Amino acid sequence: MLSSVRTEIGWHRGGQDNLIHLWDIKTGDILRTFLGHTDQVLSIKFTPDSSCLISGSADETIRIWSVETGQLRQILKAEGLYEGMNITGVRGLNEEAIATLVKLGAHR
């Protein structure tokens, strides 16, 4: 069972390919490749029982993966503070401020 050999597996959080590779450190064989992030993977952590791998990415998501199957179990993404805010007709903001709010999720 893959999840029971945590001390014998290694992982690599990819560079520009947005992949996570899990491999057997004795043989060098890739055991799993986790594919789904749309930007660079920044952090990885195993759950205490080694059944799941949790990854955080510059795509602003946290993904929870099954170590045994490689299947994605859950995607977590926090809504931005301005996500969905309607700024149509708002007065007193210059174009730079409006552009910043739009970049942060507001719409007009």
Protein backbone atom coordinates (compact mmCIF):
# COMPACT_ATOMS: atom_id res chain seq x y z
CA MET A 1 0.00 0.00 0.00
CA LEU A 2 1.57 3.25 -1.14
CA SER A 3 0.34 5.37 1.75
CA SER A 4 2.07 3.11 4.27
CA VAL A 5 5.57 3.70 2.87
CA ARG A 6 5.83 7.41 3.51
CA THR A 7 9.44 7.16 4.66
CA GLU A 8 10.41 5.44 1.41
CA ILE A 9 8.89 7.87 -1.05
CA GLY A 10 10.06 11.26 -2.19
CA TRP A 11 8.20 14.09 -3.80
CA HIS A 12 9.01 16.91 -6.09
CA ARG A 13 7.01 20.06 -6.51
CA GLY A 14 7.50 21.02 -10.09
CA GLY A 15 8.92 24.14 -11.57
CA GLN A 16 7.02 25.55 -14.49
CA ASP A 17 5.10 22.35 -15.31
CA ASN A 18 2.68 22.69 -12.34
CA LEU A 19 3.04 18.97 -11.57
CA ILE A 20 3.79 17.06 -8.40
CA HIS A 21 5.78 13.85 -8.78
CA LEU A 22 5.91 11.17 -6.10
CA TRP A 23 8.62 8.57 -6.45
CA ASP A 24 10.24 5.60 -4.75
CA ILE A 25 13.53 6.90 -3.36
CA LYS A 26 15.14 3.43 -3.51
CA THR A 27 14.46 2.77 -7.19
CA GLY A 28 13.91 6.29 -8.52
CA ASP A 29 10.67 5.12 -10.15
CA ILE A 30 7.86 7.65 -10.38
CA LEU A 31 4.90 6.25 -8.46
CA ARG A 32 2.38 9.01 -9.07
CA THR A 33 2.05 12.29 -10.89
CA PHE A 34 -0.52 14.73 -9.60
CA LEU A 35 -1.84 16.99 -12.33
CA GLY A 36 -4.34 19.82 -11.88
CA HIS A 37 -2.75 23.02 -10.66
CA THR A 38 -2.70 25.77 -13.27
CA ASP A 39 0.29 27.63 -11.84
CA GLN A 40 3.47 26.81 -9.93
CA VAL A 41 3.13 24.47 -6.94
CA LEU A 42 4.49 26.26 -3.87
CA SER A 43 3.99 23.83 -0.99
CA ILE A 44 3.19 20.21 -0.24
CA LYS A 45 2.25 18.38 2.96
CA PHE A 46 1.17 14.83 3.75
CA THR A 47 -1.71 14.23 6.15
CA PRO A 48 -0.59 12.54 9.41
CA ASP A 49 -1.81 9.13 8.20
CA SER A 50 -0.12 9.65 4.78
CA SER A 51 -3.36 8.92 2.93
CA CYS A 52 -3.57 12.38 1.38
CA LEU A 53 -1.21 14.90 -0.11
CA ILE A 54 -2.15 18.57 0.23
CA SER A 55 -0.69 21.05 -2.23
CA GLY A 56 -0.81 24.82 -2.42
CA SER A 57 -0.21 26.72 -5.63
CA ALA A 58 0.22 30.17 -7.10
CA ASP A 59 -3.12 29.44 -8.83
CA GLU A 60 -4.63 30.36 -5.43
CA THR A 61 -5.96 26.88 -4.76
CA ILE A 62 -5.26 24.20 -2.19
CA ARG A 63 -5.78 20.72 -3.56
CA ILE A 64 -6.22 17.52 -1.60
CA TRP A 65 -5.09 14.34 -3.38
CA SER A 66 -5.39 10.64 -2.60
CA VAL A 67 -1.85 9.28 -2.31
CA GLU A 68 -3.05 5.76 -3.09
CA THR A 69 -4.96 6.55 -6.30
CA GLY A 70 -3.66 9.96 -7.34
CA GLN A 71 -7.24 11.17 -7.59
CA LEU A 72 -8.10 14.75 -6.70
CA ARG A 73 -10.39 14.70 -3.67
CA GLN A 74 -11.10 18.38 -3.14
CA ILE A 75 -10.19 21.89 -4.31
CA LEU A 76 -10.26 24.74 -1.83
CA LYS A 77 -10.25 28.35 -3.00
CA ALA A 78 -11.00 31.33 -0.83
CA GLU A 79 -13.12 34.04 -2.34
CA GLY A 80 -11.34 37.32 -2.65
CA LEU A 81 -12.46 40.24 -0.54
CA TYR A 82 -13.76 42.04 -3.64
CA GLU A 83 -14.91 38.95 -5.55
CA GLY A 84 -18.24 39.68 -7.23
CA MET A 85 -18.47 43.26 -5.97
CA ASN A 86 -20.41 45.44 -8.40
CA ILE A 87 -18.66 48.79 -8.82
CA THR A 88 -20.82 50.03 -11.68
CA GLY A 89 -21.58 53.70 -11.17
CA VAL A 90 -19.33 54.07 -8.13
CA ARG A 91 -18.08 57.66 -7.84
CA GLY A 92 -14.90 59.02 -6.31
CA LEU A 93 -12.55 56.35 -7.65
CA ASN A 94 -9.89 57.06 -10.23
CA GLU A 95 -9.19 54.63 -13.10
CA GLU A 96 -6.22 53.12 -11.28
CA ALA A 97 -8.34 52.27 -8.23
CA ILE A 98 -11.07 50.83 -10.45
CA ALA A 99 -8.51 48.72 -12.33
CA THR A 100 -7.15 47.40 -9.02
CA LEU A 101 -10.61 46.48 -7.76
CA VAL A 102 -11.39 44.69 -11.04
CA LYS A 103 -8.12 42.77 -10.76
CA LEU A 104 -9.17 41.72 -7.25
CA GLY A 105 -12.51 40.35 -8.51
CA ALA A 106 -14.90 43.29 -8.68
CA HIS A 107 -16.86 43.90 -11.87
CA ARG A 108 -18.45 46.88 -13.53
